[in-house]
Amino acid sequence: MSKKILANDGISNSGIMALESAGYEVLTTNVAQEQLANFINEEQITGLLVRSATQVRKELIDACPGLKLIGR
């Protein structure tokens, strides 16, 4: 199983380095809200990190069964 994290609203370089040293692949692609579920499923994202710009609602969670972690 891949260990991919999408930091959709950005992340500091130190955050990327910490996650990569723990074995995660970090993607910093900014994906539009309406395309987020498809991107997460197609890229087999297991973790999603967001800030205020990205809304994580029940519909997104239900549409992405591979997500194991959501952080803000």
C-alpha atoms as a PDB file:
ATOM      1  CA  MET A   1       0.000   0.000   0.000  1.00  0.00           C
ATOM      2  CA  SER A   2       1.320   3.426  -0.915  1.00  0.00           C
ATOM      3  CA  LYS A   3       1.705   6.055   1.746  1.00  0.00           C
ATOM      4  CA  LYS A   4       0.770   9.252  -0.066  1.00  0.00           C
ATOM      5  CA  ILE A   5      -0.276  12.471   1.604  1.00  0.00           C
ATOM      6  CA  LEU A   6      -1.878  15.350  -0.262  1.00  0.00           C
ATOM      7  CA  ALA A   7      -1.155  18.732   1.310  1.00  0.00           C
ATOM      8  CA  ASN A   8      -3.800  20.514  -0.727  1.00  0.00           C
ATOM      9  CA  ASP A   9      -3.382  23.969   0.792  1.00  0.00           C
ATOM     10  CA  GLY A  10       0.398  23.895   1.083  1.00  0.00           C
ATOM     11  CA  ILE A  11       2.848  22.755   3.744  1.00  0.00           C
ATOM     12  CA  SER A  12       6.187  24.021   5.010  1.00  0.00           C
ATOM     13  CA  ASN A  13       9.435  22.491   3.780  1.00  0.00           C
ATOM     14  CA  SER A  14      10.142  21.210   7.286  1.00  0.00           C
ATOM     15  CA  GLY A  15       6.736  19.499   7.289  1.00  0.00           C
ATOM     16  CA  ILE A  16       7.471  17.847   3.965  1.00  0.00           C
ATOM     17  CA  MET A  17      10.873  16.684   5.181  1.00  0.00           C
ATOM     18  CA  ALA A  18       9.411  15.241   8.390  1.00  0.00           C
ATOM     19  CA  LEU A  19       6.741  13.307   6.508  1.00  0.00           C
ATOM     20  CA  GLU A  20       9.183  12.062   3.880  1.00  0.00           C
ATOM     21  CA  SER A  21      11.614  10.890   6.556  1.00  0.00           C
ATOM     22  CA  ALA A  22       8.716   8.896   8.033  1.00  0.00           C
ATOM     23  CA  GLY A  23       8.231   7.150   4.688  1.00  0.00           C
ATOM     24  CA  TYR A  24       5.435   9.226   3.145  1.00  0.00           C
ATOM     25  CA  GLU A  25       5.294  10.636  -0.352  1.00  0.00           C
ATOM     26  CA  VAL A  26       4.005  14.214  -0.085  1.00  0.00           C
ATOM     27  CA  LEU A  27       2.105  15.819  -2.945  1.00  0.00           C
ATOM     28  CA  THR A  28       1.624  19.579  -2.833  1.00  0.00           C
ATOM     29  CA  THR A  29      -0.621  19.807  -5.873  1.00  0.00           C
ATOM     30  CA  ASN A  30      -3.490  22.239  -5.315  1.00  0.00           C
ATOM     31  CA  VAL A  31      -6.596  20.370  -6.454  1.00  0.00           C
ATOM     32  CA  ALA A  32      -9.895  22.189  -6.988  1.00  0.00           C
ATOM     33  CA  GLN A  33     -12.625  21.270  -4.519  1.00  0.00           C
ATOM     34  CA  GLU A  34     -14.869  19.714  -7.182  1.00  0.00           C
ATOM     35  CA  GLN A  35     -12.019  17.479  -8.445  1.00  0.00           C
ATOM     36  CA  LEU A  36     -10.677  16.457  -5.044  1.00  0.00           C
ATOM     37  CA  ALA A  37     -12.475  13.114  -4.625  1.00  0.00           C
ATOM     38  CA  ASN A  38     -11.417  11.901  -8.076  1.00  0.00           C
ATOM     39  CA  PHE A  39      -7.807  12.984  -7.526  1.00  0.00           C
ATOM     40  CA  ILE A  40      -7.615  11.312  -4.109  1.00  0.00           C
ATOM     41  CA  ASN A  41      -8.978   8.039  -5.470  1.00  0.00           C
ATOM     42  CA  GLU A  42      -6.956   8.029  -8.704  1.00  0.00           C
ATOM     43  CA  GLU A  43      -3.682   8.851  -6.934  1.00  0.00           C
ATOM     44  CA  GLN A  44      -4.430   6.450  -4.045  1.00  0.00           C
ATOM     45  CA  ILE A  45      -3.976   9.201  -1.453  1.00  0.00           C
ATOM     46  CA  THR A  46      -4.106   7.870   2.119  1.00  0.00           C
ATOM     47  CA  GLY A  47      -3.742  11.177   3.970  1.00  0.00           C
ATOM     48  CA  LEU A  48      -5.187  14.636   3.352  1.00  0.00           C
ATOM     49  CA  LEU A  49      -3.824  17.791   4.968  1.00  0.00           C
ATOM     50  CA  VAL A  50      -5.827  20.996   4.550  1.00  0.00           C
ATOM     51  CA  ARG A  51      -6.085  24.540   5.802  1.00  0.00           C
ATOM     52  CA  SER A  52      -9.018  26.905   5.482  1.00  0.00           C
ATOM     53  CA  ALA A  53      -9.231  26.857   1.675  1.00  0.00           C
ATOM     54  CA  THR A  54     -10.273  23.196   1.360  1.00  0.00           C
ATOM     55  CA  GLN A  55     -13.592  22.008   2.762  1.00  0.00           C
ATOM     56  CA  VAL A  56     -13.707  18.400   3.970  1.00  0.00           C
ATOM     57  CA  ARG A  57     -17.323  17.340   4.243  1.00  0.00           C
ATOM     58  CA  LYS A  58     -19.086  14.025   4.702  1.00  0.00           C
ATOM     59  CA  GLU A  59     -19.542  13.630   0.947  1.00  0.00           C
ATOM     60  CA  LEU A  60     -15.793  13.811   0.349  1.00  0.00           C
ATOM     61  CA  ILE A  61     -15.028  11.364   3.151  1.00  0.00           C
ATOM     62  CA  ASP A  62     -17.678   8.918   1.901  1.00  0.00           C
ATOM     63  CA  ALA A  63     -16.359   9.171  -1.673  1.00  0.00           C
ATOM     64  CA  CYS A  64     -12.765   8.392  -0.626  1.00  0.00           C
ATOM     65  CA  PRO A  65     -12.663   5.057   1.234  1.00  0.00           C
ATOM     66  CA  GLY A  66      -8.851   4.893   0.954  1.00  0.00           C
ATOM     67  CA  LEU A  67      -8.336   7.956   3.159  1.00  0.00           C
ATOM     68  CA  LYS A  68      -6.912   6.953   6.522  1.00  0.00           C
ATOM     69  CA  LEU A  69      -6.016  10.405   7.858  1.00  0.00           C
ATOM     70  CA  ILE A  70      -7.417  13.911   7.536  1.00  0.00           C
ATOM     71  CA  GLY A  71      -5.547  16.722   9.258  1.00  0.00           C
ATOM     72  CA  ARG A  72      -5.890  20.430   9.522  1.00  0.00           C
END
